[in-house]
Amino acid sequence: MPNDVGPAAWNEVNVVCGGNKQSPINIVTKKTKQDASLTAFKFTGYSGMFTSRLKNNGQTVFLDIPLGATVTGANLSHIYKAVQLDFHWGSSGSPGSEHTLDGEQYPMELHILHIKDKFLTLEEAQNDTAGQAILGFFFKESDIENKEYGAFIAALAKVQNAENHTELNISLNKLILSETKMSDYYRYEGSQTVPGCSETAIWTMFKEPVPLSKAQFAAFYNLKFKDGKPMVNTFRPVQPHKGRVVYRSFSGAAVTAVEFSFTFLLLCLGTALSCYQLY
């Protein structure tokens, strides 16, 4: 697909990008359904250090993942092996996650792409209706630097320009949440968020965001597109649900203060009691 074709026009070049299971989406928490089968993930090889090439391809920055890291459990029907990760971000003062939560867009989002372990390539996985399992992580700004990201942030300074690359020694668990914070997540059927938008992905978006400092986010904003312009706003807008259900692994959230106030007002108006009598 041509680099100058924006996300809004992808479906004009590839009809799949206008399909019924496109990602990302806005997750409306009140409409999600709890699914008891969404148990804990089992991560294998996520703590192992590996060396790979971090590359700026002129459109984003990504890291290929060598064999060894897999996920199972969490109602996944197969073992899925990690093959690649990438990030999507906004700009200084402007959010850039791809998925949104009740309309809220976070500063950044990490995707770790997995394919069924029987496949050798992503192209093979794209021909299977559940060939891919993508783990997504929101990010939030913190006053404290995330030391686990030290090596990754340092490597970004070496790939500021298009086609730059550098070797990076890292483990996947340094880039994500601790396992104790990954029990709460959302699950739905979707697609890749880049062309050709293959609708063969099982999506997991974790509820808890990963913290990064303002200076660490700035390292992403300093990257450059192929044309030399700042590499910012690297996200695809949210896509229509088109009848899809989003499931959650945890019990329903507590009622918010606004929802409580509205319910309380209706109670007052619907009874002979005055509001002050209920206090």
Protein backbone atom coordinates (compact mmCIF):
# COMPACT_ATOMS: atom_id res chain seq x y z
CA MET A 1 0.00 0.00 0.00
CA PRO A 2 1.40 3.47 -0.85
CA ASN A 3 2.94 5.33 2.09
CA ASP A 4 0.96 8.49 1.30
CA VAL A 5 -2.43 6.78 1.71
CA GLY A 6 -3.86 7.66 5.11
CA PRO A 7 -5.82 5.23 7.33
CA ALA A 8 -9.18 6.75 6.33
CA ALA A 9 -8.58 5.66 2.72
CA TRP A 10 -7.03 2.23 3.33
CA ASN A 11 -10.29 0.47 2.45
CA GLU A 12 -10.20 2.13 -0.98
CA VAL A 13 -6.90 0.37 -1.69
CA ASN A 14 -7.64 -2.85 0.20
CA VAL A 15 -11.29 -3.75 0.86
CA VAL A 16 -10.27 -5.87 3.86
CA CYS A 17 -9.44 -2.63 5.70
CA GLY A 18 -13.16 -1.81 5.61
CA GLY A 19 -14.22 -5.23 6.90
CA ASN A 20 -16.38 -6.27 9.84
CA LYS A 21 -13.62 -7.07 12.35
CA GLN A 22 -11.27 -4.13 12.08
CA SER A 23 -9.00 -2.86 14.85
CA PRO A 24 -8.48 -0.77 16.89
CA ILE A 25 -11.79 -0.12 18.64
CA ASN A 26 -13.15 1.97 21.48
CA ILE A 27 -13.77 -0.38 24.41
CA VAL A 28 -17.01 0.68 26.11
CA THR A 29 -16.57 -0.87 29.53
CA LYS A 30 -20.29 -0.89 30.43
CA LYS A 31 -21.00 -3.00 27.35
CA THR A 32 -18.29 -5.58 27.98
CA LYS A 33 -19.25 -9.04 29.21
CA GLN A 34 -17.41 -11.00 31.85
CA ASP A 35 -16.10 -14.36 30.63
CA ALA A 36 -14.98 -16.82 33.30
CA SER A 37 -12.88 -18.70 30.75
CA LEU A 38 -10.53 -15.72 30.46
CA THR A 39 -8.06 -17.04 33.00
CA ALA A 40 -4.44 -16.07 33.58
CA PHE A 41 -1.88 -16.13 30.79
CA LYS A 42 1.05 -18.52 30.95
CA PHE A 43 4.17 -16.80 29.65
CA THR A 44 7.16 -18.89 28.60
CA GLY A 45 10.48 -17.32 27.64
CA TYR A 46 9.34 -13.78 28.38
CA SER A 47 12.04 -13.33 31.00
CA GLY A 48 14.82 -14.62 28.75
CA MET A 49 17.26 -12.07 27.37
CA PHE A 50 17.62 -11.93 23.59
CA THR A 51 19.45 -9.79 21.07
CA SER A 52 17.59 -8.44 18.07
CA ARG A 53 17.60 -5.53 15.66
CA LEU A 54 15.56 -2.46 16.59
CA LYS A 55 14.70 -0.68 13.36
CA ASN A 56 13.14 2.59 12.20
CA ASN A 57 11.53 1.68 8.87
CA GLY A 58 10.40 5.23 8.15
CA GLN A 59 6.86 4.55 9.35
CA THR A 60 7.34 3.19 12.86
CA VAL A 61 9.92 1.51 15.08
CA PHE A 62 9.77 -2.25 15.58
CA LEU A 63 11.69 -5.17 17.01
CA ASP A 64 11.69 -8.72 15.66
CA ILE A 65 11.53 -11.37 18.37
CA PRO A 66 13.58 -14.57 17.96
CA LEU A 67 12.08 -17.97 18.74
CA GLY A 68 11.52 -18.85 22.37
CA ALA A 69 8.80 -16.62 23.83
CA THR A 70 5.27 -18.04 23.86
CA VAL A 71 1.89 -17.51 25.50
CA THR A 72 -0.84 -20.01 26.39
CA GLY A 73 -3.81 -20.04 28.74
CA ALA A 74 -6.33 -17.17 28.85
CA ASN A 75 -8.75 -19.22 26.71
CA LEU A 76 -6.30 -19.37 23.81
CA SER A 77 -6.80 -22.64 21.97
CA HIS A 78 -3.18 -22.96 20.84
CA ILE A 79 0.35 -22.04 21.81
CA TYR A 80 1.26 -18.70 20.25
CA LYS A 81 4.85 -17.62 19.70
CA ALA A 82 5.99 -13.99 19.82
CA VAL A 83 7.41 -12.74 16.52
CA GLN A 84 7.43 -8.93 16.61
CA LEU A 85 6.58 -5.87 18.67
CA ASP A 86 5.87 -2.28 17.78
CA PHE A 87 4.55 0.91 19.34
CA HIS A 88 1.95 3.50 18.41
CA TRP A 89 2.08 6.99 19.91
CA GLY A 90 0.87 10.56 19.62
CA SER A 91 2.94 13.70 20.10
CA SER A 92 3.99 15.96 22.93
CA GLY A 93 0.81 16.93 24.74
CA SER A 94 -1.38 14.77 22.51
CA PRO A 95 -2.32 11.11 23.12
CA GLY A 96 -1.65 8.35 20.61
CA SER A 97 -2.86 4.91 21.67
CA GLU A 98 -4.76 2.99 19.03
CA HIS A 99 -7.42 1.49 21.26
CA THR A 100 -9.41 3.77 23.52
CA LEU A 101 -11.14 2.99 26.81
CA ASP A 102 -14.52 4.67 27.18
CA GLY A 103 -13.31 7.23 24.66
CA GLU A 104 -10.06 7.94 26.52
CA GLN A 105 -6.94 7.76 24.38
CA TYR A 106 -3.70 6.99 26.22
CA PRO A 107 -0.27 8.44 25.33
CA MET A 108 1.00 5.24 23.71
CA GLU A 109 0.28 1.58 23.02
CA LEU A 110 2.53 -1.46 22.67
CA HIS A 111 1.60 -4.47 20.54
CA ILE A 112 3.32 -7.83 20.88
CA LEU A 113 2.36 -9.93 17.88
CA HIS A 114 2.16 -13.70 18.25
CA ILE A 115 1.31 -16.38 15.71
CA LYS A 116 0.31 -20.02 16.19
CA ASP A 117 3.45 -22.01 16.85
CA LYS A 118 2.78 -24.33 13.90
CA PHE A 119 3.30 -21.46 11.45
CA LEU A 120 6.70 -20.32 10.23
CA THR A 121 5.66 -16.90 8.94
CA LEU A 122 3.13 -14.16 9.58
CA GLU A 123 1.84 -14.64 6.04
CA GLU A 124 0.83 -18.21 6.91
CA ALA A 125 -0.90 -17.05 10.09
CA GLN A 126 -2.93 -14.48 8.18
CA ASN A 127 -4.70 -17.31 6.36
CA ASP A 128 -5.95 -18.81 9.64
CA THR A 129 -9.06 -17.31 11.26
CA ALA A 130 -7.29 -17.27 14.64
CA GLY A 131 -3.73 -17.29 13.39
CA GLN A 132 -2.59 -14.28 15.41
CA ALA A 133 -2.78 -13.35 19.09
CA ILE A 134 -1.90 -9.74 19.80
CA LEU A 135 -1.20 -8.51 23.31
CA GLY A 136 -1.80 -4.78 23.70
CA PHE A 137 -0.63 -2.52 26.52
CA PHE A 138 -1.69 1.06 27.25
CA PHE A 139 0.87 3.55 28.59
CA LYS A 140 0.46 6.40 31.04
CA GLU A 141 2.70 9.30 32.04
CA SER A 142 4.49 8.95 35.37
CA ASP A 143 6.58 11.34 37.42
CA ILE A 144 9.08 8.53 37.89
CA GLU A 145 11.28 7.08 35.15
CA ASN A 146 10.58 3.45 34.29
CA LYS A 147 14.03 1.92 34.75
CA GLU A 148 13.03 -1.27 32.94
CA TYR A 149 12.84 0.82 29.76
CA GLY A 150 16.34 2.27 30.15
CA ALA A 151 18.03 0.13 27.48
CA PHE A 152 15.14 0.49 25.04
CA ILE A 153 14.99 4.28 25.35
CA ALA A 154 18.76 4.50 24.90
CA ALA A 155 18.47 2.41 21.73
CA LEU A 156 15.82 4.76 20.29
CA ALA A 157 18.44 7.52 20.16
CA LYS A 158 20.37 5.35 17.68
CA VAL A 159 17.45 4.89 15.27
CA GLN A 160 16.12 8.42 14.96
CA ASN A 161 16.23 8.46 11.17
CA ALA A 162 14.54 6.18 8.63
CA GLU A 163 16.38 2.92 7.94
CA ASN A 164 18.53 3.32 11.06
CA HIS A 165 18.89 0.16 13.12
CA THR A 166 20.76 -1.00 16.18
CA GLU A 167 21.26 -4.20 18.14
CA LEU A 168 19.31 -4.38 21.40
CA ASN A 169 19.71 -6.90 24.21
CA ILE A 170 16.49 -7.09 26.19
CA SER A 171 13.74 -9.34 27.56
CA LEU A 172 10.02 -8.97 26.88
CA ASN A 173 9.05 -8.82 30.53
CA LYS A 174 11.01 -5.57 30.89
CA LEU A 175 8.61 -3.89 28.45
CA ILE A 176 5.30 -5.00 29.94
CA LEU A 177 3.48 -5.20 33.25
CA SER A 178 4.37 -7.63 36.00
CA GLU A 179 2.28 -10.80 35.81
CA THR A 180 0.41 -9.81 38.97
CA LYS A 181 -1.01 -6.82 37.06
CA MET A 182 -2.06 -8.76 33.97
CA SER A 183 -5.08 -10.63 35.30
CA ASP A 184 -7.49 -7.88 34.20
CA TYR A 185 -7.87 -7.63 30.44
CA TYR A 186 -10.30 -7.26 27.54
CA ARG A 187 -10.69 -9.73 24.66
CA TYR A 188 -12.24 -9.43 21.22
CA GLU A 189 -11.85 -10.60 17.62
CA GLY A 190 -10.13 -8.08 15.38
CA SER A 191 -7.46 -7.33 12.83
CA GLN A 192 -4.00 -5.99 12.32
CA THR A 193 -3.97 -2.21 12.66
CA VAL A 194 -1.69 -1.75 9.66
CA PRO A 195 -2.25 -2.65 5.99
CA GLY A 196 -3.44 -5.20 4.92
CA CYS A 197 -5.70 -5.24 7.99
CA SER A 198 -5.92 -9.06 8.15
CA GLU A 199 -8.97 -10.05 10.26
CA THR A 200 -7.34 -13.07 11.88
CA ALA A 201 -6.32 -11.62 15.25
CA ILE A 202 -7.40 -12.48 18.78
CA TRP A 203 -6.92 -9.22 20.66
CA THR A 204 -6.08 -8.84 24.33
CA MET A 205 -5.90 -5.33 25.79
CA PHE A 206 -4.67 -5.16 29.36
CA LYS A 207 -6.53 -2.83 31.70
CA GLU A 208 -3.53 -1.58 33.70
CA PRO A 209 -1.26 0.85 31.80
CA VAL A 210 2.54 0.74 31.75
CA PRO A 211 4.15 3.88 33.25
CA LEU A 212 6.76 5.98 31.43
CA SER A 213 8.15 9.39 32.30
CA LYS A 214 7.62 12.46 30.12
CA ALA A 215 11.28 12.33 29.05
CA GLN A 216 10.93 8.67 28.04
CA PHE A 217 7.90 9.46 25.86
CA ALA A 218 9.92 12.26 24.25
CA ALA A 219 12.41 9.68 22.94
CA PHE A 220 9.64 8.34 20.70
CA TYR A 221 8.59 11.82 19.57
CA ASN A 222 12.19 12.51 18.45
CA LEU A 223 12.09 9.77 15.81
CA LYS A 224 11.75 10.76 12.14
CA PHE A 225 9.57 9.55 9.28
CA LYS A 226 11.08 8.70 5.90
CA ASP A 227 10.53 12.29 4.76
CA GLY A 228 12.45 13.64 7.76
CA LYS A 229 9.38 14.96 9.57
CA PRO A 230 8.79 14.09 13.24
CA MET A 231 7.41 10.59 13.65
CA VAL A 232 4.29 11.47 15.64
CA ASN A 233 0.64 10.38 15.69
CA THR A 234 1.45 6.88 14.47
CA PHE A 235 -1.95 5.41 15.26
CA ARG A 236 -4.93 4.20 13.27
CA PRO A 237 -8.27 5.73 14.37
CA VAL A 238 -10.79 3.48 16.11
CA GLN A 239 -13.00 1.37 13.85
CA PRO A 240 -16.71 0.43 14.12
CA HIS A 241 -17.60 -2.53 16.35
CA LYS A 242 -20.10 -3.89 13.80
CA GLY A 243 -21.82 -6.10 16.35
CA ARG A 244 -18.73 -7.53 18.00
CA VAL A 245 -18.78 -8.29 21.71
CA VAL A 246 -15.84 -7.32 23.92
CA TYR A 247 -15.27 -9.67 26.84
CA ARG A 248 -13.46 -8.98 30.09
CA SER A 249 -11.63 -11.27 32.50
CA PHE A 250 -12.74 -9.50 35.67
CA SER A 251 -15.97 -8.60 37.46
CA GLY A 252 -17.81 -5.38 36.62
CA ALA A 253 -16.32 -2.04 37.64
CA ALA A 254 -17.79 -0.14 40.55
CA VAL A 255 -20.42 2.46 39.76
CA THR A 256 -18.86 5.86 39.13
CA ALA A 257 -19.79 8.96 41.12
CA VAL A 258 -21.59 10.44 38.11
CA GLU A 259 -23.62 7.26 37.57
CA PHE A 260 -24.49 7.14 41.26
CA SER A 261 -25.63 10.77 41.31
CA PHE A 262 -27.84 10.22 38.26
CA THR A 263 -29.39 7.08 39.76
CA PHE A 264 -29.91 8.88 43.07
CA LEU A 265 -31.67 11.77 41.32
CA LEU A 266 -34.02 9.38 39.51
CA LEU A 267 -34.82 7.71 42.82
CA CYS A 268 -35.68 11.05 44.38
CA LEU A 269 -37.89 12.07 41.46
CA GLY A 270 -39.61 8.71 41.31
CA THR A 271 -40.69 8.56 44.94
CA ALA A 272 -42.57 10.75 47.36
CA LEU A 273 -39.38 11.25 49.33
CA SER A 274 -37.39 14.41 49.02
CA CYS A 275 -33.69 14.00 48.45
CA TYR A 276 -32.70 15.39 51.81
CA GLN A 277 -34.80 12.71 53.55
CA LEU A 278 -32.57 10.00 52.08
CA TYR A 279 -29.39 11.30 53.69
